[in-house]
Amino acid sequence: MKTVGAYEAKTHLPKLLELVSKGEKITITKHGVPVAILQPADPSKGTPVREVIEQLKQFRTGHPLRALSIREMIEEGRR
């Protein structure tokens, strides 16, 4: 397993992601202390798209927007 510092991870993220996509695990350290592990995603843990859409529909029924618009919510999040 490769180990890199946080600064190196930030500056070389595309290169590290390429290594991870090939199956390598990378430990990211901060001041020499391991803080994270970058590893390939487990595709079996993904939620099927249809299930996610159904969950969103169920959530929407219990949480109406009332007078808010999507644009207003986006602007609120930017403040």
PDB file of N, CA and C in Angstrom:
ATOM      1  N   MET A   1       0.849  -1.176   0.000  1.00  0.00           N
ATOM      2  CA  MET A   1       0.000   0.000   0.000  1.00  0.00           C
ATOM      3  C   MET A   1       0.891   1.234   0.000  1.00  0.00           C
ATOM      4  N   LYS A   2       0.600   2.143  -0.910  1.00  0.00           N
ATOM      5  CA  LYS A   2       1.363   3.382  -1.041  1.00  0.00           C
ATOM      6  C   LYS A   2       0.892   4.380   0.021  1.00  0.00           C
ATOM      7  N   THR A   3       1.802   5.227   0.508  1.00  0.00           N
ATOM      8  CA  THR A   3       1.480   6.253   1.490  1.00  0.00           C
ATOM      9  C   THR A   3       1.902   7.604   0.940  1.00  0.00           C
ATOM     10  N   VAL A   4       0.996   8.598   1.029  1.00  0.00           N
ATOM     11  CA  VAL A   4       1.318   9.953   0.579  1.00  0.00           C
ATOM     12  C   VAL A   4       0.824  10.954   1.618  1.00  0.00           C
ATOM     13  N   GLY A   5       1.471  12.102   1.656  1.00  0.00           N
ATOM     14  CA  GLY A   5       1.043  13.171   2.546  1.00  0.00           C
ATOM     15  C   GLY A   5      -0.179  13.878   1.982  1.00  0.00           C
ATOM     16  N   ALA A   6      -0.886  14.597   2.819  1.00  0.00           N
ATOM     17  CA  ALA A   6      -2.110  15.288   2.411  1.00  0.00           C
ATOM     18  C   ALA A   6      -1.845  16.297   1.295  1.00  0.00           C
ATOM     19  N   TYR A   7      -0.747  17.024   1.380  1.00  0.00           N
ATOM     20  CA  TYR A   7      -0.435  18.019   0.348  1.00  0.00           C
ATOM     21  C   TYR A   7      -0.191  17.337  -0.989  1.00  0.00           C
ATOM     22  N   GLU A   8       0.582  16.271  -0.967  1.00  0.00           N
ATOM     23  CA  GLU A   8       0.846  15.531  -2.206  1.00  0.00           C
ATOM     24  C   GLU A   8      -0.441  14.947  -2.771  1.00  0.00           C
ATOM     25  N   ALA A   9      -1.309  14.441  -1.894  1.00  0.00           N
ATOM     26  CA  ALA A   9      -2.585  13.883  -2.343  1.00  0.00           C
ATOM     27  C   ALA A   9      -3.419  14.961  -3.041  1.00  0.00           C
ATOM     28  N   LYS A  10      -3.391  16.167  -2.473  1.00  0.00           N
ATOM     29  CA  LYS A  10      -4.170  17.266  -3.057  1.00  0.00           C
ATOM     30  C   LYS A  10      -3.611  17.663  -4.421  1.00  0.00           C
ATOM     31  N   THR A  11      -2.315  17.762  -4.520  1.00  0.00           N
ATOM     32  CA  THR A  11      -1.711  18.239  -5.762  1.00  0.00           C
ATOM     33  C   THR A  11      -1.639  17.169  -6.843  1.00  0.00           C
ATOM     34  N   HIS A  12      -1.696  15.899  -6.468  1.00  0.00           N
ATOM     35  CA  HIS A  12      -1.580  14.815  -7.444  1.00  0.00           C
ATOM     36  C   HIS A  12      -2.810  13.907  -7.465  1.00  0.00           C
ATOM     37  N   LEU A  13      -3.965  14.458  -7.105  1.00  0.00           N
ATOM     38  CA  LEU A  13      -5.172  13.641  -7.013  1.00  0.00           C
ATOM     39  C   LEU A  13      -5.498  12.876  -8.302  1.00  0.00           C
ATOM     40  N   PRO A  14      -5.442  13.496  -9.489  1.00  0.00           N
ATOM     41  CA  PRO A  14      -5.766  12.721 -10.695  1.00  0.00           C
ATOM     42  C   PRO A  14      -4.870  11.486 -10.871  1.00  0.00           C
ATOM     43  N   LYS A  15      -3.585  11.646 -10.581  1.00  0.00           N
ATOM     44  CA  LYS A  15      -2.646  10.529 -10.690  1.00  0.00           C
ATOM     45  C   LYS A  15      -2.987   9.436  -9.660  1.00  0.00           C
ATOM     46  N   LEU A  16      -3.309   9.854  -8.445  1.00  0.00           N
ATOM     47  CA  LEU A  16      -3.662   8.890  -7.404  1.00  0.00           C
ATOM     48  C   LEU A  16      -4.959   8.158  -7.756  1.00  0.00           C
ATOM     49  N   LEU A  17      -5.932   8.883  -8.308  1.00  0.00           N
ATOM     50  CA  LEU A  17      -7.187   8.248  -8.704  1.00  0.00           C
ATOM     51  C   LEU A  17      -6.956   7.215  -9.803  1.00  0.00           C
ATOM     52  N   GLU A  18      -6.024   7.495 -10.675  1.00  0.00           N
ATOM     53  CA  GLU A  18      -5.687   6.525 -11.730  1.00  0.00           C
ATOM     54  C   GLU A  18      -5.126   5.249 -11.112  1.00  0.00           C
ATOM     55  N   LEU A  19      -4.251   5.392 -10.118  1.00  0.00           N
ATOM     56  CA  LEU A  19      -3.703   4.216  -9.438  1.00  0.00           C
ATOM     57  C   LEU A  19      -4.799   3.431  -8.725  1.00  0.00           C
ATOM     58  N   VAL A  20      -5.699   4.155  -8.061  1.00  0.00           N
ATOM     59  CA  VAL A  20      -6.797   3.514  -7.337  1.00  0.00           C
ATOM     60  C   VAL A  20      -7.720   2.774  -8.304  1.00  0.00           C
ATOM     61  N   SER A  21      -7.948   3.378  -9.475  1.00  0.00           N
ATOM     62  CA  SER A  21      -8.827   2.724 -10.449  1.00  0.00           C
ATOM     63  C   SER A  21      -8.228   1.406 -10.945  1.00  0.00           C
ATOM     64  N   LYS A  22      -6.931   1.252 -10.769  1.00  0.00           N
ATOM     65  CA  LYS A  22      -6.259   0.000 -11.147  1.00  0.00           C
ATOM     66  C   LYS A  22      -6.173  -0.976  -9.980  1.00  0.00           C
ATOM     67  N   GLY A  23      -6.815  -0.619  -8.843  1.00  0.00           N
ATOM     68  CA  GLY A  23      -6.889  -1.537  -7.718  1.00  0.00           C
ATOM     69  C   GLY A  23      -5.967  -1.246  -6.544  1.00  0.00           C
ATOM     70  N   GLU A  24      -5.154  -0.220  -6.640  1.00  0.00           N
ATOM     71  CA  GLU A  24      -4.218   0.090  -5.553  1.00  0.00           C
ATOM     72  C   GLU A  24      -4.906   0.852  -4.416  1.00  0.00           C
ATOM     73  N   LYS A  25      -4.492   0.595  -3.187  1.00  0.00           N
ATOM     74  CA  LYS A  25      -4.961   1.351  -2.019  1.00  0.00           C
ATOM     75  C   LYS A  25      -3.864   2.334  -1.627  1.00  0.00           C
ATOM     76  N   ILE A  26      -4.273   3.546  -1.241  1.00  0.00           N
ATOM     77  CA  ILE A  26      -3.313   4.585  -0.890  1.00  0.00           C
ATOM     78  C   ILE A  26      -3.696   5.172   0.462  1.00  0.00           C
ATOM     79  N   THR A  27      -2.742   5.198   1.388  1.00  0.00           N
ATOM     80  CA  THR A  27      -2.962   5.808   2.700  1.00  0.00           C
ATOM     81  C   THR A  27      -2.546   7.267   2.622  1.00  0.00           C
ATOM     82  N   ILE A  28      -3.410   8.148   3.093  1.00  0.00           N
ATOM     83  CA  ILE A  28      -3.106   9.578   3.115  1.00  0.00           C
ATOM     84  C   ILE A  28      -2.801   9.964   4.559  1.00  0.00           C
ATOM     85  N   THR A  29      -1.675  10.635   4.741  1.00  0.00           N
ATOM     86  CA  THR A  29      -1.246  11.007   6.083  1.00  0.00           C
ATOM     87  C   THR A  29      -1.242  12.527   6.250  1.00  0.00           C
ATOM     88  N   LYS A  30      -1.346  12.943   7.497  1.00  0.00           N
ATOM     89  CA  LYS A  30      -1.214  14.361   7.841  1.00  0.00           C
ATOM     90  C   LYS A  30      -0.200  14.424   8.967  1.00  0.00           C
ATOM     91  N   HIS A  31       0.915  15.060   8.703  1.00  0.00           N
ATOM     92  CA  HIS A  31       2.028  15.124   9.654  1.00  0.00           C
ATOM     93  C   HIS A  31       2.468  13.718  10.059  1.00  0.00           C
ATOM     94  N   GLY A  32       2.473  12.805   9.090  1.00  0.00           N
ATOM     95  CA  GLY A  32       2.944  11.441   9.331  1.00  0.00           C
ATOM     96  C   GLY A  32       1.926  10.506   9.959  1.00  0.00           C
ATOM     97  N   VAL A  33       0.744  11.008  10.283  1.00  0.00           N
ATOM     98  CA  VAL A  33      -0.289  10.188  10.918  1.00  0.00           C
ATOM     99  C   VAL A  33      -1.345   9.819   9.870  1.00  0.00           C
ATOM    100  N   PRO A  34      -1.636   8.532   9.674  1.00  0.00           N
ATOM    101  CA  PRO A  34      -2.658   8.147   8.696  1.00  0.00           C
ATOM    102  C   PRO A  34      -4.024   8.739   9.057  1.00  0.00           C
ATOM    103  N   VAL A  35      -4.667   9.386   8.069  1.00  0.00           N
ATOM    104  CA  VAL A  35      -5.979   9.984   8.303  1.00  0.00           C
ATOM    105  C   VAL A  35      -7.054   9.453   7.358  1.00  0.00           C
ATOM    106  N   ALA A  36      -6.639   8.832   6.245  1.00  0.00           N
ATOM    107  CA  ALA A  36      -7.627   8.333   5.287  1.00  0.00           C
ATOM    108  C   ALA A  36      -6.989   7.262   4.414  1.00  0.00           C
ATOM    109  N   ILE A  37      -7.859   6.443   3.842  1.00  0.00           N
ATOM    110  CA  ILE A  37      -7.414   5.446   2.875  1.00  0.00           C
ATOM    111  C   ILE A  37      -8.226   5.660   1.604  1.00  0.00           C
ATOM    112  N   LEU A  38      -7.516   5.838   0.496  1.00  0.00           N
ATOM    113  CA  LEU A  38      -8.137   5.984  -0.808  1.00  0.00           C
ATOM    114  C   LEU A  38      -8.102   4.607  -1.442  1.00  0.00           C
ATOM    115  N   GLN A  39      -9.285   4.053  -1.727  1.00  0.00           N
ATOM    116  CA  GLN A  39      -9.344   2.705  -2.266  1.00  0.00           C
ATOM    117  C   GLN A  39     -10.457   2.603  -3.294  1.00  0.00           C
ATOM    118  N   PRO A  40     -10.411   1.583  -4.147  1.00  0.00           N
ATOM    119  CA  PRO A  40     -11.455   1.441  -5.159  1.00  0.00           C
ATOM    120  C   PRO A  40     -12.831   1.297  -4.511  1.00  0.00           C
ATOM    121  N   ALA A  41     -13.824   1.879  -5.162  1.00  0.00           N
ATOM    122  CA  ALA A  41     -15.200   1.767  -4.674  1.00  0.00           C
ATOM    123  C   ALA A  41     -15.689   0.341  -4.886  1.00  0.00           C
ATOM    124  N   ASP A  42     -16.559  -0.096  -4.000  1.00  0.00           N
ATOM    125  CA  ASP A  42     -17.153  -1.426  -4.118  1.00  0.00           C
ATOM    126  C   ASP A  42     -18.443  -1.285  -4.919  1.00  0.00           C
ATOM    127  N   PRO A  43     -18.438  -1.713  -6.178  1.00  0.00           N
ATOM    128  CA  PRO A  43     -19.635  -1.524  -7.006  1.00  0.00           C
ATOM    129  C   PRO A  43     -20.861  -2.258  -6.468  1.00  0.00           C
ATOM    130  N   SER A  44     -20.669  -3.272  -5.663  1.00  0.00           N
ATOM    131  CA  SER A  44     -21.811  -4.013  -5.131  1.00  0.00           C
ATOM    132  C   SER A  44     -22.554  -3.219  -4.060  1.00  0.00           C
ATOM    133  N   LYS A  45     -21.942  -2.141  -3.550  1.00  0.00           N
ATOM    134  CA  LYS A  45     -22.578  -1.334  -2.512  1.00  0.00           C
ATOM    135  C   LYS A  45     -23.439  -0.217  -3.092  1.00  0.00           C
ATOM    136  N   GLY A  46     -23.454  -0.078  -4.413  1.00  0.00           N
ATOM    137  CA  GLY A  46     -24.258   0.962  -5.040  1.00  0.00           C
ATOM    138  C   GLY A  46     -25.742   0.645  -4.942  1.00  0.00           C
ATOM    139  N   THR A  47     -26.545   1.689  -4.885  1.00  0.00           N
ATOM    140  CA  THR A  47     -27.993   1.525  -4.836  1.00  0.00           C
ATOM    141  C   THR A  47     -28.534   1.625  -6.262  1.00  0.00           C
ATOM    142  N   PRO A  48     -29.402   0.707  -6.657  1.00  0.00           N
ATOM    143  CA  PRO A  48     -29.965   0.784  -8.013  1.00  0.00           C
ATOM    144  C   PRO A  48     -30.683   2.118  -8.242  1.00  0.00           C
ATOM    145  N   VAL A  49     -30.566   2.660  -9.442  1.00  0.00           N
ATOM    146  CA  VAL A  49     -31.119   3.972  -9.777  1.00  0.00           C
ATOM    147  C   VAL A  49     -32.622   4.020  -9.519  1.00  0.00           C
ATOM    148  N   ARG A  50     -33.339   2.985  -9.906  1.00  0.00           N
ATOM    149  CA  ARG A  50     -34.795   2.984  -9.699  1.00  0.00           C
ATOM    150  C   ARG A  50     -35.141   3.092  -8.209  1.00  0.00           C
ATOM    151  N   GLU A  51     -34.340   2.448  -7.374  1.00  0.00           N
ATOM    152  CA  GLU A  51     -34.586   2.515  -5.928  1.00  0.00           C
ATOM    153  C   GLU A  51     -34.348   3.930  -5.399  1.00  0.00           C
ATOM    154  N   VAL A  52     -33.313   4.577  -5.883  1.00  0.00           N
ATOM    155  CA  VAL A  52     -33.007   5.947  -5.458  1.00  0.00           C
ATOM    156  C   VAL A  52     -34.138   6.892  -5.887  1.00  0.00           C
ATOM    157  N   ILE A  53     -34.620   6.726  -7.111  1.00  0.00           N
ATOM    158  CA  ILE A  53     -35.716   7.567  -7.592  1.00  0.00           C
ATOM    159  C   ILE A  53     -36.948   7.371  -6.718  1.00  0.00           C
ATOM    160  N   GLU A  54     -37.259   6.139  -6.369  1.00  0.00           N
ATOM    161  CA  GLU A  54     -38.409   5.860  -5.514  1.00  0.00           C
ATOM    162  C   GLU A  54     -38.238   6.503  -4.134  1.00  0.00           C
ATOM    163  N   GLN A  55     -37.031   6.433  -3.585  1.00  0.00           N
ATOM    164  CA  GLN A  55     -36.758   7.057  -2.283  1.00  0.00           C
ATOM    165  C   GLN A  55     -36.943   8.581  -2.363  1.00  0.00           C
ATOM    166  N   LEU A  56     -36.504   9.183  -3.459  1.00  0.00           N
ATOM    167  CA  LEU A  56     -36.677  10.634  -3.637  1.00  0.00           C
ATOM    168  C   LEU A  56     -38.157  11.007  -3.726  1.00  0.00           C
ATOM    169  N   LYS A  57     -38.921  10.194  -4.449  1.00  0.00           N
ATOM    170  CA  LYS A  57     -40.358  10.456  -4.551  1.00  0.00           C
ATOM    171  C   LYS A  57     -41.025  10.369  -3.179  1.00  0.00           C
ATOM    172  N   GLN A  58     -40.653   9.382  -2.390  1.00  0.00           N
ATOM    173  CA  GLN A  58     -41.224   9.231  -1.054  1.00  0.00           C
ATOM    174  C   GLN A  58     -40.835  10.409  -0.169  1.00  0.00           C
ATOM    175  N   PHE A  59     -39.593  10.842  -0.276  1.00  0.00           N
ATOM    176  CA  PHE A  59     -39.123  11.979   0.513  1.00  0.00           C
ATOM    177  C   PHE A  59     -39.898  13.239   0.141  1.00  0.00           C
ATOM    178  N   ARG A  60     -40.120  13.437  -1.153  1.00  0.00           N
ATOM    179  CA  ARG A  60     -40.824  14.621  -1.635  1.00  0.00           C
ATOM    180  C   ARG A  60     -42.238  14.731  -1.100  1.00  0.00           C
ATOM    181  N   THR A  61     -42.922  13.601  -0.954  1.00  0.00           N
ATOM    182  CA  THR A  61     -44.298  13.652  -0.462  1.00  0.00           C
ATOM    183  C   THR A  61     -44.354  14.175   0.969  1.00  0.00           C
ATOM    184  N   GLY A  62     -43.372  13.864   1.764  1.00  0.00           N
ATOM    185  CA  GLY A  62     -43.367  14.310   3.155  1.00  0.00           C
ATOM    186  C   GLY A  62     -42.708  15.649   3.376  1.00  0.00           C
ATOM    187  N   HIS A  63     -42.112  16.226   2.334  1.00  0.00           N
ATOM    188  CA  HIS A  63     -41.373  17.484   2.472  1.00  0.00           C
ATOM    189  C   HIS A  63     -41.718  18.439   1.328  1.00  0.00           C
ATOM    190  N   PRO A  64     -42.891  19.059   1.371  1.00  0.00           N
ATOM    191  CA  PRO A  64     -43.276  19.980   0.292  1.00  0.00           C
ATOM    192  C   PRO A  64     -42.417  21.249   0.316  1.00  0.00           C
ATOM    193  N   LEU A  65     -42.219  21.834  -0.848  1.00  0.00           N
ATOM    194  CA  LEU A  65     -41.421  23.055  -0.947  1.00  0.00           C
ATOM    195  C   LEU A  65     -42.189  24.295  -0.516  1.00  0.00           C
ATOM    196  N   ARG A  66     -43.498  24.196  -0.498  1.00  0.00           N
ATOM    197  CA  ARG A  66     -44.380  25.335  -0.196  1.00  0.00           C
ATOM    198  C   ARG A  66     -44.070  26.465  -1.163  1.00  0.00           C
ATOM    199  N   ALA A  67     -43.709  27.638  -0.662  1.00  0.00           N
ATOM    200  CA  ALA A  67     -43.482  28.793  -1.536  1.00  0.00           C
ATOM    201  C   ALA A  67     -42.032  28.896  -2.033  1.00  0.00           C
ATOM    202  N   LEU A  68     -41.165  28.010  -1.594  1.00  0.00           N
ATOM    203  CA  LEU A  68     -39.768  28.075  -2.009  1.00  0.00           C
ATOM    204  C   LEU A  68     -39.589  27.558  -3.435  1.00  0.00           C
ATOM    205  N   SER A  69     -38.652  28.165  -4.130  1.00  0.00           N
ATOM    206  CA  SER A  69     -38.284  27.652  -5.445  1.00  0.00           C
ATOM    207  C   SER A  69     -36.907  27.009  -5.337  1.00  0.00           C
ATOM    208  N   ILE A  70     -36.598  26.168  -6.286  1.00  0.00           N
ATOM    209  CA  ILE A  70     -35.275  25.531  -6.314  1.00  0.00           C
ATOM    210  C   ILE A  70     -34.193  26.614  -6.375  1.00  0.00           C
ATOM    211  N   ARG A  71     -34.407  27.642  -7.185  1.00  0.00           N
ATOM    212  CA  ARG A  71     -33.425  28.732  -7.326  1.00  0.00           C
ATOM    213  C   ARG A  71     -33.171  29.403  -5.977  1.00  0.00           C
ATOM    214  N   GLU A  72     -34.214  29.665  -5.195  1.00  0.00           N
ATOM    215  CA  GLU A  72     -34.057  30.293  -3.879  1.00  0.00           C
ATOM    216  C   GLU A  72     -33.237  29.394  -2.948  1.00  0.00           C
ATOM    217  N   MET A  73     -33.485  28.110  -3.008  1.00  0.00           N
ATOM    218  CA  MET A  73     -32.722  27.186  -2.158  1.00  0.00           C
ATOM    219  C   MET A  73     -31.261  27.140  -2.561  1.00  0.00           C
ATOM    220  N   ILE A  74     -30.998  27.195  -3.866  1.00  0.00           N
ATOM    221  CA  ILE A  74     -29.611  27.206  -4.339  1.00  0.00           C
ATOM    222  C   ILE A  74     -28.914  28.466  -3.853  1.00  0.00           C
ATOM    223  N   GLU A  75     -29.569  29.602  -4.003  1.00  0.00           N
ATOM    224  CA  GLU A  75     -28.978  30.871  -3.560  1.00  0.00           C
ATOM    225  C   GLU A  75     -28.749  30.878  -2.050  1.00  0.00           C
ATOM    226  N   GLU A  76     -29.688  30.320  -1.280  1.00  0.00           N
ATOM    227  CA  GLU A  76     -29.536  30.233   0.173  1.00  0.00           C
ATOM    228  C   GLU A  76     -28.305  29.412   0.534  1.00  0.00           C
ATOM    229  N   GLY A  77     -28.075  28.349  -0.194  1.00  0.00           N
ATOM    230  CA  GLY A  77     -26.924  27.487   0.085  1.00  0.00           C
ATOM    231  C   GLY A  77     -25.593  28.146  -0.230  1.00  0.00           C
ATOM    232  N   ARG A  78     -25.599  29.184  -1.059  1.00  0.00           N
ATOM    233  CA  ARG A  78     -24.360  29.866  -1.451  1.00  0.00           C
ATOM    234  C   ARG A  78     -23.946  30.942  -0.461  1.00  0.00           C
ATOM    235  N   ARG A  79     -24.815  31.266   0.481  1.00  0.00           N
ATOM    236  CA  ARG A  79     -24.475  32.342   1.428  1.00  0.00           C
ATOM    237  C   ARG A  79     -23.596  31.865   2.520  1.00  0.00           C
TER     238      ARG A  79
END
